[in-house]
């Protein structure tokens, strides 16, 4: 009997991962649930009610499992402390508990991000690229990766770094789809030149499963992107085709991107939660490396993304419409 423990299972990526684990016949999937099951309603999981700060609870959750997928984390916050606690401290606490109660775990897959790269001397990041993050989120994940290095000789850890992930249940890139549904498509920079990696959540999950199962993945780090690199024009064409309507491209000067990020962030303070577009996201749009090579994953894991951009966007938009989001 195979058993897995998933943190962040109620979220966008985690819920798709849980469904794939069950589809592949994992006998028991334990999921950390803080408040609501959200996308895991009616899914046959073993619910672990609490959070990663409860060591006794986590000890019971990881005891006897074959795989741990650590997908939980803080993606947006207004202060460094929230990122430190949510991305670095809880990860280290999880490793400490694992090493104590389940040192024989077969694999620990930890989700990081392309944002750890930040500025890059090359247009396309590889796993060997230096880490120069431009955001607090990216910096916290870089610190998490560095902290995990001391555990590599005690636990079979594999780090996965997705670029922008899209698909059903995703809420950040959805903001662009919603604007496009109104007939407007904002773009910062060159529309025709490929400048970004995107990965459909189904392809990312396949990569994560390969990272858990392949012996060659232990102690390694992998990027899991899509079938190629994309331009803003590619994304617009896939989006308008799925929406069944055109959209006017509105070119935003790079300097104005930073101004808009500041305005949006300040305007959100009364609402509390930081919006998907803010100062640091504007800086990332302007200066960060947004393309990553999947050559290492192809070579060691036989990773082969199967979802085309056109089909992936169409599936996502169909889901948004079915849920009443669009």
Protein backbone atom coordinates (compact mmCIF):
# COMPACT_ATOMS: atom_id res chain seq x y z
CA UNK A 1 0.00 0.00 0.00
CA UNK A 2 1.33 3.40 -1.03
CA UNK A 3 0.70 6.46 1.11
CA UNK A 4 1.35 10.14 0.45
CA UNK A 5 1.14 13.33 2.49
CA UNK A 6 0.39 16.58 0.66
CA UNK A 7 0.68 20.07 2.09
CA UNK A 8 -1.17 22.77 0.18
CA UNK A 9 -3.55 20.14 -1.13
CA UNK A 10 -6.58 22.41 -0.91
CA UNK A 11 -4.99 24.94 -3.26
CA UNK A 12 -4.74 25.23 -7.03
CA UNK A 13 -1.71 23.04 -7.78
CA UNK A 14 -2.10 20.80 -4.73
CA UNK A 15 -5.69 19.81 -5.51
CA UNK A 16 -4.73 18.70 -9.03
CA UNK A 17 -1.84 16.73 -7.54
CA UNK A 18 -4.12 15.00 -5.05
CA UNK A 19 -6.52 13.98 -7.82
CA UNK A 20 -3.64 12.55 -9.88
CA UNK A 21 -2.25 10.61 -6.93
CA UNK A 22 -5.63 9.00 -6.38
CA UNK A 23 -6.09 8.37 -10.10
CA UNK A 24 -2.75 6.53 -10.12
CA UNK A 25 -3.88 4.27 -7.32
CA UNK A 26 -2.12 5.68 -4.26
CA UNK A 27 -4.00 3.95 -1.47
CA UNK A 28 -4.06 6.78 1.04
CA UNK A 29 -3.55 10.50 0.45
CA UNK A 30 -3.28 12.56 3.61
CA UNK A 31 -3.91 16.26 3.14
CA UNK A 32 -3.29 19.16 5.47
CA UNK A 33 -6.49 21.20 5.81
CA UNK A 34 -6.34 24.45 7.76
CA UNK A 35 -9.95 25.62 7.49
CA UNK A 36 -11.90 24.42 4.43
CA UNK A 37 -11.35 21.51 2.05
CA UNK A 38 -12.17 23.81 -0.90
CA UNK A 39 -11.32 21.87 -4.09
CA UNK A 40 -11.06 18.63 -2.11
CA UNK A 41 -14.74 18.40 -1.20
CA UNK A 42 -16.04 14.92 -2.05
CA UNK A 43 -12.47 13.71 -2.71
CA UNK A 44 -11.57 10.56 -0.68
CA UNK A 45 -8.62 11.93 1.28
CA UNK A 46 -7.53 11.45 4.85
CA UNK A 47 -7.93 14.93 6.27
CA UNK A 48 -5.27 16.26 8.64
CA UNK A 49 -6.83 19.25 10.35
CA UNK A 50 -4.35 21.93 11.44
CA UNK A 51 -1.22 23.65 10.19
CA UNK A 52 2.51 23.06 9.76
CA UNK A 53 3.36 24.77 13.04
CA UNK A 54 1.82 21.86 15.00
CA UNK A 55 4.73 19.40 15.20
CA UNK A 56 2.77 16.64 16.91
CA UNK A 57 0.10 16.79 14.23
CA UNK A 58 2.66 16.74 11.42
CA UNK A 59 4.46 13.81 13.03
CA UNK A 60 1.28 11.75 12.81
CA UNK A 61 0.63 12.97 9.27
CA UNK A 62 4.02 11.86 7.92
CA UNK A 63 4.39 8.67 9.93
CA UNK A 64 4.54 5.70 7.56
CA UNK A 65 4.02 7.60 4.31
CA UNK A 66 6.04 6.79 1.19
CA UNK A 67 5.93 10.25 -0.39
CA UNK A 68 5.70 13.79 0.90
CA UNK A 69 4.72 16.61 -1.44
CA UNK A 70 5.36 19.96 0.23
CA UNK A 71 3.33 22.37 -1.84
CA UNK A 72 2.12 24.79 0.83
CA UNK A 73 3.59 28.27 0.98
CA UNK A 74 3.02 32.01 1.06
CA UNK A 75 2.89 33.61 -2.40
CA UNK A 76 1.74 37.12 -1.47
CA UNK A 77 2.30 39.08 1.73
CA UNK A 78 3.06 42.64 2.80
CA UNK A 79 6.00 41.86 5.08
CA UNK A 80 9.12 39.70 5.13
CA UNK A 81 8.12 37.90 8.31
CA UNK A 82 5.11 36.25 6.67
CA UNK A 83 7.33 34.94 3.86
CA UNK A 84 9.99 33.77 6.31
CA UNK A 85 7.54 31.85 8.45
CA UNK A 86 5.38 30.51 5.62
CA UNK A 87 8.13 29.45 3.22
CA UNK A 88 11.30 28.88 5.22
CA UNK A 89 10.48 28.02 8.83
CA UNK A 90 7.60 25.63 8.14
CA UNK A 91 9.68 23.81 5.53
CA UNK A 92 12.55 23.29 7.96
CA UNK A 93 10.15 22.16 10.67
CA UNK A 94 8.64 19.62 8.27
CA UNK A 95 12.11 18.25 7.44
CA UNK A 96 12.99 17.98 11.14
CA UNK A 97 9.82 16.03 11.88
CA UNK A 98 10.30 13.78 8.85
CA UNK A 99 13.88 12.95 9.75
CA UNK A 100 12.77 12.04 13.25
CA UNK A 101 9.66 9.93 12.63
CA UNK A 102 9.99 8.73 9.02
CA UNK A 103 13.65 8.78 7.91
CA UNK A 104 12.91 6.02 5.39
CA UNK A 105 10.49 8.11 3.33
CA UNK A 106 11.00 7.34 -0.37
CA UNK A 107 10.89 10.92 -1.64
CA UNK A 108 10.18 14.47 -0.48
CA UNK A 109 9.12 16.76 -3.33
CA UNK A 110 9.33 20.44 -2.41
CA UNK A 111 7.76 23.10 -4.64
CA UNK A 112 9.84 26.21 -5.23
CA UNK A 113 9.52 28.67 -8.13
CA UNK A 114 11.24 30.23 -11.14
CA UNK A 115 11.09 33.48 -9.13
CA UNK A 116 14.22 32.36 -7.23
CA UNK A 117 16.24 33.24 -10.35
CA UNK A 118 15.27 36.91 -10.71
CA UNK A 119 17.87 38.66 -12.84
CA UNK A 120 19.70 36.25 -15.09
CA UNK A 121 22.75 36.68 -17.31
CA UNK A 122 21.10 34.41 -19.87
CA UNK A 123 17.64 34.80 -21.33
CA UNK A 124 16.76 31.23 -20.36
CA UNK A 125 17.39 30.02 -16.81
CA UNK A 126 18.78 26.57 -16.06
CA UNK A 127 19.13 24.76 -12.76
CA UNK A 128 22.72 26.04 -12.62
CA UNK A 129 21.75 29.72 -12.94
CA UNK A 130 22.65 31.99 -10.03
CA UNK A 131 19.83 32.99 -7.68
CA UNK A 132 19.23 36.75 -7.74
CA UNK A 133 15.55 37.08 -6.82
CA UNK A 134 13.80 40.41 -7.33
CA UNK A 135 10.83 39.82 -5.03
CA UNK A 136 10.39 38.94 -1.38
CA UNK A 137 8.53 35.83 -2.46
CA UNK A 138 11.41 34.72 -4.69
CA UNK A 139 13.94 35.58 -1.97
CA UNK A 140 12.08 33.51 0.61
CA UNK A 141 11.97 30.50 -1.70
CA UNK A 142 15.69 30.93 -2.42
CA UNK A 143 16.37 30.90 1.33
CA UNK A 144 14.19 27.81 1.62
CA UNK A 145 16.23 26.04 -1.07
CA UNK A 146 19.49 27.01 0.63
CA UNK A 147 18.20 25.79 3.99
CA UNK A 148 17.16 22.46 2.43
CA UNK A 149 20.72 21.80 1.28
CA UNK A 150 21.74 20.72 4.79
CA UNK A 151 19.03 18.04 4.73
CA UNK A 152 19.99 16.48 1.40
CA UNK A 153 22.22 13.86 3.02
CA UNK A 154 19.46 12.80 5.44
CA UNK A 155 16.34 12.90 3.28
CA UNK A 156 15.71 12.15 -0.43
CA UNK A 157 14.62 15.68 -1.36
CA UNK A 158 13.77 16.86 -4.86
CA UNK A 159 13.03 20.54 -5.56
CA UNK A 160 10.73 21.53 -8.40
CA UNK A 161 10.64 25.06 -9.82
CA UNK A 162 7.60 25.82 -11.96
CA UNK A 163 7.29 29.06 -13.95
CA UNK A 164 3.82 30.64 -14.23
CA UNK A 165 1.27 27.84 -13.83
CA UNK A 166 -2.17 28.05 -15.45
CA UNK A 167 -5.27 25.89 -15.68
CA UNK A 168 -8.61 25.32 -13.94
CA UNK A 169 -8.77 26.82 -10.40
CA UNK A 170 -5.89 29.27 -11.00
CA UNK A 171 -6.78 32.77 -9.81
CA UNK A 172 -3.89 35.11 -10.68
CA UNK A 173 -3.42 34.73 -14.45
CA UNK A 174 -7.22 34.54 -14.52
CA UNK A 175 -7.20 38.32 -13.98
CA UNK A 176 -5.72 38.72 -17.48
CA UNK A 177 -8.39 36.44 -18.96
CA UNK A 178 -11.10 38.48 -17.27
CA UNK A 179 -9.74 41.73 -18.74
CA UNK A 180 -9.46 40.09 -22.16
CA UNK A 181 -13.09 38.98 -21.90
CA UNK A 182 -13.96 42.69 -21.82
CA UNK A 183 -12.11 43.26 -25.10
CA UNK A 184 -8.84 44.65 -23.70
CA UNK A 185 -5.46 42.94 -23.67
CA UNK A 186 -2.72 44.83 -21.77
CA UNK A 187 0.90 44.09 -22.73
CA UNK A 188 4.19 45.37 -21.34
CA UNK A 189 7.05 45.13 -23.84
CA UNK A 190 7.47 43.31 -27.14
CA UNK A 191 4.36 41.34 -28.15
CA UNK A 192 6.00 39.05 -30.73
CA UNK A 193 9.25 37.97 -29.07
CA UNK A 194 9.05 34.84 -26.88
CA UNK A 195 9.70 36.03 -23.33
CA UNK A 196 7.98 33.59 -20.97
CA UNK A 197 7.62 30.00 -19.89
CA UNK A 198 4.17 28.77 -18.93
CA UNK A 199 3.14 25.34 -17.72
CA UNK A 200 -0.31 23.81 -17.56
CA UNK A 201 -1.06 22.39 -14.14
CA UNK A 202 -1.60 18.91 -15.59
CA UNK A 203 1.93 18.90 -17.04
CA UNK A 204 3.40 20.23 -13.81
CA UNK A 205 1.70 17.47 -11.82
CA UNK A 206 3.12 14.85 -14.19
CA UNK A 207 6.56 16.33 -13.59
CA UNK A 208 6.07 16.27 -9.83
CA UNK A 209 5.05 12.62 -9.96
CA UNK A 210 8.16 11.79 -12.01
CA UNK A 211 10.28 13.70 -9.48
CA UNK A 212 8.84 11.51 -6.73
CA UNK A 213 9.27 8.20 -8.50
CA UNK A 214 12.54 8.41 -10.45
CA UNK A 215 15.66 7.35 -8.54
CA UNK A 216 17.69 9.89 -10.54
CA UNK A 217 15.64 12.75 -9.07
CA UNK A 218 16.84 12.40 -5.47
CA UNK A 219 18.90 15.41 -4.43
CA UNK A 220 18.15 17.24 -7.68
CA UNK A 221 16.33 20.42 -8.73
CA UNK A 222 14.15 20.64 -11.84
CA UNK A 223 12.31 23.23 -13.90
CA UNK A 224 8.99 22.02 -15.34
CA UNK A 225 7.81 24.30 -18.12
CA UNK A 226 5.56 23.92 -21.13
CA UNK A 227 6.29 22.76 -24.67
CA UNK A 228 8.21 25.94 -25.58
CA UNK A 229 8.62 29.65 -24.89
CA UNK A 230 5.74 32.01 -25.50
CA UNK A 231 5.20 35.62 -26.49
CA UNK A 232 2.45 37.92 -25.32
CA UNK A 233 1.00 37.52 -28.82
CA UNK A 234 0.90 33.73 -28.44
CA UNK A 235 -0.97 34.10 -25.17
CA UNK A 236 -3.37 36.64 -26.65
CA UNK A 237 -4.18 34.43 -29.65
CA UNK A 238 -4.86 31.42 -27.42
CA UNK A 239 -6.97 33.55 -25.06
CA UNK A 240 -9.11 35.29 -27.68
CA UNK A 241 -9.66 32.00 -29.52
CA UNK A 242 -10.92 30.39 -26.30
CA UNK A 243 -13.07 33.40 -25.46
CA UNK A 244 -14.49 33.56 -28.96
CA UNK A 245 -13.95 37.30 -29.22
CA UNK A 246 -11.26 39.78 -30.15
CA UNK A 247 -9.40 42.12 -27.84
CA UNK A 248 -7.57 45.38 -28.41
CA UNK A 249 -3.90 45.21 -27.45
CA UNK A 250 -3.01 48.03 -25.09
CA UNK A 251 0.74 48.54 -24.91
CA UNK A 252 1.89 49.68 -21.46
CA UNK A 253 5.30 51.46 -21.41
CA UNK A 254 7.72 49.66 -19.06
CA UNK A 255 8.13 52.70 -16.81
CA UNK A 256 4.38 52.92 -16.42
CA UNK A 257 4.24 49.27 -15.28
CA UNK A 258 6.10 50.24 -12.10
CA UNK A 259 3.84 53.22 -11.50
CA UNK A 260 0.71 51.11 -11.95
CA UNK A 261 2.07 48.47 -9.60
CA UNK A 262 2.56 51.08 -6.88
CA UNK A 263 -0.90 52.55 -7.44
CA UNK A 264 -2.64 49.18 -7.32
CA UNK A 265 -0.74 48.12 -4.19
CA UNK A 266 -1.51 51.34 -2.31
CA UNK A 267 -5.14 51.19 -3.38
CA UNK A 268 -5.44 47.67 -1.96
CA UNK A 269 -4.35 48.55 1.57
CA UNK A 270 -7.88 49.18 2.79
CA UNK A 271 -8.92 45.76 1.50
CA UNK A 272 -6.10 44.03 3.37
CA UNK A 273 -4.96 41.34 0.93
CA UNK A 274 -2.19 42.12 -1.53
CA UNK A 275 -3.52 41.86 -5.12
CA UNK A 276 -1.87 39.69 -7.83
CA UNK A 277 -0.38 42.83 -9.44
CA UNK A 278 1.68 45.03 -7.13
CA UNK A 279 5.09 46.77 -6.86
CA UNK A 280 7.21 43.63 -6.80
CA UNK A 281 5.21 41.92 -9.54
CA UNK A 282 5.79 45.01 -11.68
CA UNK A 283 9.54 44.74 -11.02
CA UNK A 284 9.43 41.07 -11.93
CA UNK A 285 7.59 41.81 -15.18
CA UNK A 286 10.22 44.38 -16.15
CA UNK A 287 13.47 42.75 -15.08
CA UNK A 288 13.18 39.07 -14.08
CA UNK A 289 14.03 36.06 -16.19
CA UNK A 290 10.71 34.44 -17.12
CA UNK A 291 11.96 31.58 -19.29
CA UNK A 292 13.40 28.30 -18.03
CA UNK A 293 14.94 25.28 -19.72
CA UNK A 294 13.33 21.88 -19.22
CA UNK A 295 16.27 19.99 -20.77
CA UNK A 296 17.37 18.48 -17.46
CA UNK A 297 13.85 17.20 -16.71
CA UNK A 298 13.61 15.74 -20.21
CA UNK A 299 16.97 14.01 -19.83
CA UNK A 300 16.67 12.59 -16.31
CA UNK A 301 12.91 12.18 -15.91
CA UNK A 302 11.69 11.74 -19.48
CA UNK A 303 9.50 14.78 -18.84
CA UNK A 304 7.41 15.69 -21.88
CA UNK A 305 4.70 18.37 -21.52
CA UNK A 306 1.58 17.24 -23.34
CA UNK A 307 -0.80 20.20 -23.10
CA UNK A 308 -0.49 22.80 -25.84
CA UNK A 309 -0.99 26.45 -24.95
CA UNK A 310 -4.10 26.64 -27.14
CA UNK A 311 -5.71 23.58 -25.56
CA UNK A 312 -4.65 24.51 -22.03
CA UNK A 313 -6.07 28.03 -22.23
CA UNK A 314 -9.26 26.70 -23.81
CA UNK A 315 -9.72 24.18 -21.00
CA UNK A 316 -9.07 26.82 -18.34
CA UNK A 317 -11.50 29.35 -19.81
CA UNK A 318 -14.17 26.67 -20.24
CA UNK A 319 -13.76 25.86 -16.54
CA UNK A 320 -13.97 29.53 -15.53
CA UNK A 321 -17.20 29.88 -17.48
CA UNK A 322 -18.66 26.71 -15.98
CA UNK A 323 -17.89 28.06 -12.49
CA UNK A 324 -19.37 31.48 -13.27
CA UNK A 325 -16.00 33.25 -13.00
CA UNK A 326 -16.41 34.56 -16.55
